[in-house]
N, C-alpha and C. Protein backbone atom coordinates (compact mmCIF):
# COMPACT_ATOMS: atom_id res chain seq x y z
N MET A 1 99.53 134.01 -32.55
CA MET A 1 98.70 132.32 -32.34
C MET A 1 98.56 132.42 -30.23
N ILE A 2 97.66 131.85 -30.23
CA ILE A 2 97.52 131.80 -28.63
C ILE A 2 97.77 131.10 -27.65
N THR A 3 98.60 129.80 -28.26
CA THR A 3 98.90 128.93 -26.84
C THR A 3 100.21 127.76 -27.61
N GLY A 4 101.16 128.15 -26.82
CA GLY A 4 101.87 127.13 -26.59
C GLY A 4 102.12 126.20 -26.67
N GLU A 5 103.06 125.15 -27.76
CA GLU A 5 103.04 123.78 -27.68
C GLU A 5 103.97 123.33 -26.06
N ASP A 6 105.48 124.06 -26.39
CA ASP A 6 105.57 123.11 -25.09
C ASP A 6 106.20 124.24 -24.32
N GLY A 7 105.55 125.50 -23.85
CA GLY A 7 106.08 126.72 -23.10
C GLY A 7 104.91 127.68 -23.67
N PRO A 8 104.92 128.54 -22.56
CA PRO A 8 104.37 130.34 -22.76
C PRO A 8 104.63 130.67 -24.29
N ASP A 9 103.14 131.01 -24.46
CA ASP A 9 103.87 132.08 -25.81
C ASP A 9 103.86 133.78 -24.95
N THR A 10 104.53 134.52 -26.27
CA THR A 10 104.57 135.89 -25.50
C THR A 10 103.23 135.62 -24.57
N ALA A 11 103.88 137.09 -23.87
CA ALA A 11 103.06 137.53 -22.84
C ALA A 11 102.04 138.35 -24.22
N VAL A 12 100.09 138.66 -23.77
CA VAL A 12 99.45 139.24 -24.94
C VAL A 12 99.17 139.85 -23.50
N GLU A 13 98.79 141.34 -23.95
CA GLU A 13 97.89 142.25 -22.87
C GLU A 13 96.76 142.77 -23.34
N LEU A 14 96.39 142.62 -22.72
CA LEU A 14 95.05 142.85 -22.33
C LEU A 14 94.50 144.02 -22.15
N PRO A 15 94.11 145.59 -22.41
CA PRO A 15 93.77 146.68 -21.65
C PRO A 15 92.65 146.84 -21.41
N GLY A 16 91.82 145.88 -21.79
CA GLY A 16 90.20 146.33 -20.30
C GLY A 16 89.54 144.54 -20.55
N THR A 17 88.49 144.27 -20.43
CA THR A 17 87.35 144.02 -19.86
C THR A 17 86.79 142.77 -21.00
N ALA A 18 86.40 143.84 -22.27
CA ALA A 18 86.77 143.71 -23.41
C ALA A 18 87.15 143.34 -24.03
N ASP A 19 88.97 143.33 -23.61
CA ASP A 19 90.07 142.66 -24.43
C ASP A 19 90.24 141.05 -23.82
N THR A 20 89.99 141.40 -22.46
CA THR A 20 89.74 139.74 -21.77
C THR A 20 89.00 138.44 -22.54
N GLU A 21 87.79 139.26 -22.63
CA GLU A 21 86.60 138.40 -22.96
C GLU A 21 87.17 137.92 -24.71
N ALA A 22 87.57 138.66 -25.32
CA ALA A 22 87.68 138.82 -26.77
C ALA A 22 88.72 137.64 -26.85
N PHE A 23 89.94 137.70 -25.88
CA PHE A 23 91.04 136.85 -25.63
C PHE A 23 90.15 135.20 -25.23
N GLY A 24 89.07 135.39 -24.50
CA GLY A 24 88.81 133.94 -24.48
C GLY A 24 88.27 133.53 -24.96
N GLU A 25 87.56 134.58 -26.06
CA GLU A 25 86.64 134.19 -26.81
C GLU A 25 87.35 133.27 -28.47
N GLU A 26 88.73 133.76 -28.32
CA GLU A 26 89.47 132.88 -29.36
C GLU A 26 89.91 131.94 -29.25
N LEU A 27 89.87 131.55 -27.96
CA LEU A 27 91.05 130.28 -26.88
C LEU A 27 89.67 129.54 -26.94
N GLY A 28 88.33 130.07 -26.81
CA GLY A 28 87.20 128.77 -26.30
C GLY A 28 86.82 127.93 -28.08
N ARG A 29 86.85 128.87 -28.99
CA ARG A 29 86.80 128.22 -30.07
C ARG A 29 87.65 127.12 -31.15
N THR A 30 88.93 127.43 -29.96
CA THR A 30 90.24 126.10 -29.68
C THR A 30 89.69 124.82 -29.07
N LEU A 31 88.60 124.88 -28.10
CA LEU A 31 88.63 123.86 -27.31
C LEU A 31 88.33 122.83 -27.77
N HIS A 32 87.83 121.87 -27.33
CA HIS A 32 86.97 120.51 -27.14
C HIS A 32 86.40 119.82 -26.40
N ALA A 33 86.15 118.83 -26.40
CA ALA A 33 84.97 117.89 -24.91
C ALA A 33 86.60 117.35 -24.57
N GLY A 34 86.24 117.23 -23.62
CA GLY A 34 87.52 116.59 -22.36
C GLY A 34 89.00 117.79 -22.42
N ASP A 35 88.64 118.70 -22.64
CA ASP A 35 89.99 119.93 -22.48
C ASP A 35 89.69 120.25 -21.27
N LEU A 36 90.49 120.64 -20.09
CA LEU A 36 91.35 120.85 -18.77
C LEU A 36 91.59 122.43 -18.94
N VAL A 37 90.84 123.66 -18.41
CA VAL A 37 91.61 124.68 -18.64
C VAL A 37 91.93 125.46 -17.22
N VAL A 38 93.30 125.44 -17.15
CA VAL A 38 93.66 125.58 -15.64
C VAL A 38 93.84 127.40 -15.21
N LEU A 39 93.23 128.14 -14.86
CA LEU A 39 93.42 129.72 -14.80
C LEU A 39 93.87 129.75 -13.45
N SER A 40 95.04 130.50 -13.41
CA SER A 40 95.24 131.34 -12.51
C SER A 40 95.97 132.90 -12.10
N GLY A 41 95.93 133.33 -11.37
CA GLY A 41 95.90 135.30 -11.26
C GLY A 41 94.92 135.54 -9.91
N PRO A 42 95.68 136.36 -9.17
CA PRO A 42 95.30 136.90 -8.32
C PRO A 42 94.23 137.42 -8.83
N LEU A 43 92.72 137.76 -7.47
CA LEU A 43 91.73 138.54 -7.72
C LEU A 43 91.98 139.66 -8.52
N GLY A 44 90.92 139.78 -9.32
CA GLY A 44 90.94 141.03 -10.44
C GLY A 44 91.81 140.66 -11.24
N ALA A 45 91.83 139.63 -11.81
CA ALA A 45 92.86 139.60 -12.32
C ALA A 45 92.29 138.94 -14.23
N GLY A 46 90.88 138.89 -13.42
CA GLY A 46 90.27 139.19 -15.15
C GLY A 46 90.18 137.26 -15.21
N LYS A 47 89.56 136.46 -14.50
CA LYS A 47 89.90 134.65 -14.69
C LYS A 47 88.18 134.79 -15.52
N THR A 48 87.17 135.05 -14.40
CA THR A 48 85.50 135.11 -14.78
C THR A 48 85.78 135.73 -15.85
N ALA A 49 86.44 137.31 -16.30
CA ALA A 49 85.66 137.89 -17.52
C ALA A 49 86.65 136.98 -18.98
N LEU A 50 87.46 136.22 -18.22
CA LEU A 50 88.04 135.26 -19.66
C LEU A 50 86.86 134.02 -19.60
N VAL A 51 86.19 133.35 -18.52
CA VAL A 51 85.39 132.38 -18.84
C VAL A 51 84.48 132.68 -20.01
N ARG A 52 83.79 134.21 -19.39
CA ARG A 52 83.30 134.66 -20.28
C ARG A 52 83.40 134.33 -22.04
N GLY A 53 84.58 135.21 -22.31
CA GLY A 53 85.05 135.09 -23.82
C GLY A 53 84.76 133.70 -23.87
N LEU A 54 85.43 132.61 -23.40
CA LEU A 54 85.44 130.77 -23.25
C LEU A 54 84.26 130.49 -24.01
N ALA A 55 83.43 131.53 -23.20
CA ALA A 55 82.12 130.45 -23.27
C ALA A 55 81.10 131.05 -23.97
N ARG A 56 81.51 132.05 -25.06
CA ARG A 56 81.04 132.39 -26.41
C ARG A 56 81.38 131.95 -27.04
N GLY A 57 83.08 131.34 -26.94
CA GLY A 57 83.57 130.93 -27.71
C GLY A 57 83.49 129.36 -28.70
N LEU A 58 82.87 128.85 -26.90
CA LEU A 58 82.09 127.41 -27.17
C LEU A 58 80.25 127.57 -27.43
N GLN A 59 80.18 128.73 -27.44
CA GLN A 59 78.10 128.89 -27.83
C GLN A 59 77.62 128.13 -26.76
N VAL A 60 78.06 128.50 -25.38
CA VAL A 60 77.30 128.10 -24.36
C VAL A 60 76.13 129.23 -23.56
N ALA A 61 75.26 128.32 -23.30
CA ALA A 61 74.05 129.58 -21.82
C ALA A 61 74.72 129.64 -21.14
N GLY A 62 73.98 131.53 -20.75
CA GLY A 62 75.05 132.05 -19.51
C GLY A 62 74.15 131.99 -18.87
N PRO A 63 73.77 133.38 -17.71
CA PRO A 63 74.87 134.16 -17.94
C PRO A 63 76.14 133.00 -17.20
N ILE A 64 77.53 133.52 -17.68
CA ILE A 64 78.43 133.28 -16.78
C ILE A 64 79.50 134.30 -15.59
N THR A 65 78.72 133.75 -13.86
CA THR A 65 79.43 134.33 -13.18
C THR A 65 80.48 133.34 -12.31
N SER A 66 80.96 133.96 -11.18
CA SER A 66 81.61 133.18 -10.24
C SER A 66 80.86 132.57 -9.56
N PRO A 67 81.80 130.68 -9.75
CA PRO A 67 80.74 129.84 -9.00
C PRO A 67 81.70 129.35 -7.58
N THR A 68 81.90 131.16 -6.95
CA THR A 68 82.76 131.09 -5.61
C THR A 68 82.14 130.79 -4.75
N PHE A 69 80.63 130.17 -4.98
CA PHE A 69 79.92 129.80 -3.53
C PHE A 69 78.87 128.60 -3.87
N VAL A 70 79.02 128.51 -5.21
CA VAL A 70 78.72 126.98 -5.76
C VAL A 70 79.38 126.43 -6.49
N ILE A 71 80.59 126.64 -5.36
CA ILE A 71 81.86 126.22 -6.37
C ILE A 71 81.63 125.30 -8.42
N ALA A 72 80.57 124.87 -8.71
CA ALA A 72 80.60 124.19 -10.42
C ALA A 72 79.24 124.60 -10.65
N ARG A 73 79.43 125.31 -12.21
CA ARG A 73 78.23 125.58 -12.96
C ARG A 73 78.62 125.27 -13.78
N GLU A 74 77.44 124.16 -14.55
CA GLU A 74 77.00 123.42 -15.64
C GLU A 74 76.65 124.99 -16.63
N HIS A 75 77.21 124.94 -17.74
CA HIS A 75 76.68 125.62 -19.07
C HIS A 75 76.35 125.11 -20.13
N ALA A 76 75.06 124.62 -20.72
CA ALA A 76 74.51 123.87 -21.22
C ALA A 76 74.78 124.00 -22.93
N PRO A 77 75.26 123.50 -23.99
CA PRO A 77 75.81 124.09 -25.78
C PRO A 77 74.47 125.10 -26.21
N LEU A 78 74.35 125.71 -26.83
CA LEU A 78 73.42 126.21 -27.27
C LEU A 78 72.97 125.61 -28.82
N PRO A 79 71.67 126.02 -28.91
CA PRO A 79 71.20 124.85 -30.30
C PRO A 79 72.31 125.83 -31.65
N GLY A 80 72.23 125.14 -33.04
CA GLY A 80 73.77 125.61 -33.93
C GLY A 80 74.77 125.39 -33.65
N GLY A 81 75.54 125.53 -31.99
CA GLY A 81 76.97 125.71 -31.64
C GLY A 81 77.79 124.32 -31.65
N PRO A 82 79.01 124.57 -30.88
CA PRO A 82 79.71 122.82 -31.17
C PRO A 82 79.27 121.97 -30.34
N GLY A 83 78.34 121.68 -29.73
CA GLY A 83 77.24 121.10 -28.95
C GLY A 83 78.22 120.62 -27.94
N VAL A 84 79.25 121.38 -27.01
CA VAL A 84 79.70 121.08 -26.21
C VAL A 84 80.06 121.50 -24.84
N PRO A 85 79.80 121.37 -23.46
CA PRO A 85 79.04 122.28 -22.81
C PRO A 85 80.30 122.44 -22.30
N LEU A 86 80.21 123.57 -21.21
CA LEU A 86 81.46 123.90 -20.02
C LEU A 86 80.94 124.25 -18.26
N VAL A 87 81.80 123.32 -18.09
CA VAL A 87 82.23 123.46 -16.13
C VAL A 87 82.75 124.67 -15.66
N HIS A 88 82.26 124.97 -15.22
CA HIS A 88 82.60 126.77 -15.07
C HIS A 88 83.13 125.95 -13.15
N VAL A 89 84.85 125.98 -12.55
CA VAL A 89 84.92 125.62 -11.92
C VAL A 89 85.41 126.56 -11.20
N ASP A 90 85.39 126.80 -9.60
CA ASP A 90 85.69 128.11 -8.84
C ASP A 90 86.50 126.85 -7.22
N ALA A 91 88.37 126.67 -7.56
CA ALA A 91 88.95 125.97 -6.71
C ALA A 91 88.90 126.60 -5.28
N TYR A 92 88.61 128.49 -4.71
CA TYR A 92 89.22 128.94 -4.28
C TYR A 92 88.83 128.71 -2.53
N ARG A 93 88.00 128.58 -2.58
CA ARG A 93 87.57 127.20 -0.90
C ARG A 93 87.74 125.85 -0.54
N LEU A 94 88.32 125.35 -2.03
CA LEU A 94 88.22 124.06 -1.67
C LEU A 94 89.92 124.13 -1.03
N GLY A 95 89.68 122.96 -0.15
CA GLY A 95 90.89 122.54 0.62
C GLY A 95 92.03 121.90 0.03
N GLY A 96 91.69 121.65 -1.04
CA GLY A 96 93.06 120.56 -1.81
C GLY A 96 92.36 119.67 -3.13
N PHE A 97 93.14 118.68 -3.85
CA PHE A 97 92.82 117.71 -4.51
C PHE A 97 91.77 117.52 -4.27
N ALA A 98 91.81 116.79 -2.47
CA ALA A 98 90.94 115.39 -2.67
C ALA A 98 89.14 116.33 -2.37
N GLU A 99 89.37 117.81 -2.00
CA GLU A 99 88.12 118.01 -2.55
C GLU A 99 88.11 118.39 -3.32
N LEU A 100 88.56 119.20 -4.74
CA LEU A 100 88.21 118.79 -5.84
C LEU A 100 87.17 117.63 -6.74
N ASP A 101 88.21 116.54 -6.17
CA ASP A 101 88.30 115.25 -6.96
C ASP A 101 87.24 114.40 -6.26
N ASP A 102 86.42 115.12 -5.53
CA ASP A 102 85.26 114.73 -4.89
C ASP A 102 84.08 115.08 -5.75
N LEU A 103 84.54 116.31 -6.28
CA LEU A 103 82.78 116.81 -7.68
C LEU A 103 83.10 116.32 -8.53
N ASP A 104 83.90 114.84 -9.04
CA ASP A 104 83.97 114.09 -9.66
C ASP A 104 83.23 114.75 -11.25
N LEU A 105 84.49 115.57 -11.90
CA LEU A 105 84.77 115.94 -12.68
C LEU A 105 84.94 115.37 -13.98
N ASP A 106 86.35 113.96 -13.07
CA ASP A 106 86.25 113.41 -14.52
C ASP A 106 85.69 112.91 -15.45
N THR A 107 84.06 112.36 -14.59
CA THR A 107 83.17 111.91 -15.57
C THR A 107 82.97 113.76 -16.97
N ASP A 108 82.67 114.95 -16.19
CA ASP A 108 82.46 115.54 -17.39
C ASP A 108 83.70 116.43 -18.37
N LEU A 109 85.28 115.90 -17.62
CA LEU A 109 86.17 116.08 -18.66
C LEU A 109 86.40 114.69 -20.04
N THR A 110 84.73 113.66 -20.29
CA THR A 110 84.93 113.70 -21.03
C THR A 110 83.97 113.68 -22.31
N GLU A 111 83.33 114.77 -21.87
CA GLU A 111 82.15 115.16 -22.22
C GLU A 111 81.90 116.72 -22.75
N ALA A 112 82.81 117.55 -22.02
CA ALA A 112 82.72 118.86 -21.42
C ALA A 112 84.39 119.55 -21.52
N VAL A 113 84.57 121.14 -21.80
CA VAL A 113 85.29 121.78 -21.89
C VAL A 113 85.02 121.81 -19.63
N VAL A 114 85.95 121.96 -19.05
CA VAL A 114 86.17 122.19 -18.03
C VAL A 114 87.53 123.30 -17.38
N VAL A 115 87.15 124.45 -17.09
CA VAL A 115 87.58 125.71 -16.77
C VAL A 115 87.38 124.81 -15.34
N VAL A 116 89.08 125.66 -14.39
CA VAL A 116 88.98 125.39 -13.10
C VAL A 116 89.90 127.07 -13.25
N GLU A 117 89.09 128.57 -12.03
CA GLU A 117 89.90 129.22 -11.68
C GLU A 117 90.49 129.24 -10.22
N TRP A 118 91.29 129.24 -10.25
CA TRP A 118 91.88 129.22 -8.88
C TRP A 118 92.43 127.66 -8.71
N GLY A 119 92.83 126.53 -10.13
CA GLY A 119 93.22 125.57 -10.34
C GLY A 119 94.92 125.15 -10.03
N GLU A 120 95.29 126.39 -10.30
CA GLU A 120 97.01 125.94 -11.04
C GLU A 120 97.52 124.70 -9.13
N GLY A 121 98.39 123.98 -9.30
CA GLY A 121 98.84 122.57 -9.02
C GLY A 121 97.67 122.51 -7.86
N VAL A 122 97.16 122.20 -9.02
CA VAL A 122 95.71 121.32 -7.83
C VAL A 122 94.93 120.87 -9.12
N ALA A 123 94.57 121.14 -10.01
CA ALA A 123 93.29 120.96 -11.05
C ALA A 123 94.14 119.82 -12.25
N GLU A 124 95.54 120.09 -12.01
CA GLU A 124 96.03 119.50 -13.71
C GLU A 124 96.17 118.33 -13.55
N ARG A 125 96.27 117.52 -12.44
CA ARG A 125 95.71 115.93 -11.80
C ARG A 125 95.10 115.76 -12.36
N LEU A 126 93.63 116.22 -13.03
CA LEU A 126 92.89 115.66 -13.28
C LEU A 126 92.62 115.31 -14.62
N ALA A 127 93.35 115.63 -15.46
CA ALA A 127 93.41 115.23 -16.79
C ALA A 127 95.17 114.83 -17.50
N GLU A 128 95.25 114.05 -18.69
CA GLU A 128 96.69 114.12 -18.63
C GLU A 128 97.75 115.07 -19.20
N HIS A 129 96.43 116.16 -20.01
CA HIS A 129 96.94 117.35 -20.96
C HIS A 129 95.75 118.59 -20.00
N HIS A 130 96.53 119.62 -20.11
CA HIS A 130 95.65 120.65 -19.60
C HIS A 130 96.21 121.65 -19.82
N VAL A 131 95.26 123.16 -20.37
CA VAL A 131 95.69 124.08 -20.66
C VAL A 131 95.72 125.12 -19.19
N LEU A 132 96.86 126.05 -19.75
CA LEU A 132 97.49 126.69 -17.92
C LEU A 132 97.00 127.89 -18.38
N VAL A 133 96.34 129.10 -18.14
CA VAL A 133 96.83 130.63 -18.61
C VAL A 133 96.43 130.77 -16.72
N GLN A 134 97.77 131.91 -17.16
CA GLN A 134 98.05 132.61 -15.98
C GLN A 134 97.83 133.84 -16.48
N LEU A 135 97.14 134.34 -15.78
CA LEU A 135 97.18 136.19 -15.60
C LEU A 135 97.28 136.91 -14.78
N GLU A 136 97.58 138.45 -15.07
CA GLU A 136 98.04 139.11 -14.09
C GLU A 136 97.31 140.49 -14.22
N ARG A 137 97.23 141.76 -13.17
CA ARG A 137 96.90 142.44 -13.67
C ARG A 137 97.73 143.82 -12.49
N ARG A 138 98.67 144.48 -14.32
CA ARG A 138 99.61 145.05 -13.55
C ARG A 138 99.14 146.53 -13.36
N GLU A 139 99.86 147.18 -12.15
CA GLU A 139 99.46 148.22 -11.83
C GLU A 139 98.70 149.90 -12.58
N ASP A 140 98.92 149.36 -14.16
CA ASP A 140 97.97 150.60 -15.06
C ASP A 140 96.77 149.70 -15.42
N ASP A 141 96.55 148.50 -14.50
CA ASP A 141 95.48 147.89 -15.21
C ASP A 141 95.14 147.09 -16.12
N VAL A 142 96.35 146.96 -16.58
CA VAL A 142 96.29 146.49 -18.15
C VAL A 142 96.40 144.62 -17.15
N ARG A 143 95.48 143.85 -18.15
CA ARG A 143 95.67 142.31 -18.03
C ARG A 143 96.88 141.85 -18.44
N VAL A 144 97.29 140.65 -18.04
CA VAL A 144 98.50 140.24 -19.08
C VAL A 144 98.67 138.70 -19.05
N ALA A 145 97.87 138.28 -20.03
CA ALA A 145 97.92 136.76 -20.08
C ALA A 145 99.02 135.89 -20.66
N ARG A 146 99.00 134.71 -20.49
CA ARG A 146 100.54 133.15 -20.89
C ARG A 146 99.65 132.18 -20.76
N VAL A 147 99.69 131.71 -22.02
CA VAL A 147 98.52 129.81 -21.82
C VAL A 147 100.10 129.61 -22.25
N THR A 148 99.71 128.25 -21.29
CA THR A 148 101.16 126.93 -22.17
C THR A 148 100.09 125.91 -21.97
N ARG A 149 100.33 124.87 -22.96
CA ARG A 149 99.44 123.66 -22.98
C ARG A 149 100.10 122.44 -22.23
N GLY A 150 100.57 122.02 -21.03
CA GLY A 150 100.97 120.65 -20.52
C GLY A 150 99.98 119.70 -20.65
């Protein structure tokens, strides 16, 4: 099981980037328009790799790269897919909820899946419910993911 109803599931070990993307793809297949996904973890933990997988699971157009400097990117659905766009946000450079709220993401939240990197503690306020994915990278370079629905 990939997501917990009332708390984090057992930690999932992701030995390489391909595993992180595959995990994201599996999670992406469970998402629908209106879902907010908040990603947390240090630099190099695999947040953008996970979003590449989410994009495959949602079947949206790429390429998926970190939106650090543009803050947000929208990826349109591919023909034949579920038809849900992906809005990929990087909150790293934002000064808090007010600047995140200025992006007017609540409009996107009704029609798209919104994923916010570096969003823990800030982005959860954008929606009544969200999925939190906490990523860490161990010293042996294995990533560990924990998913919580809140």
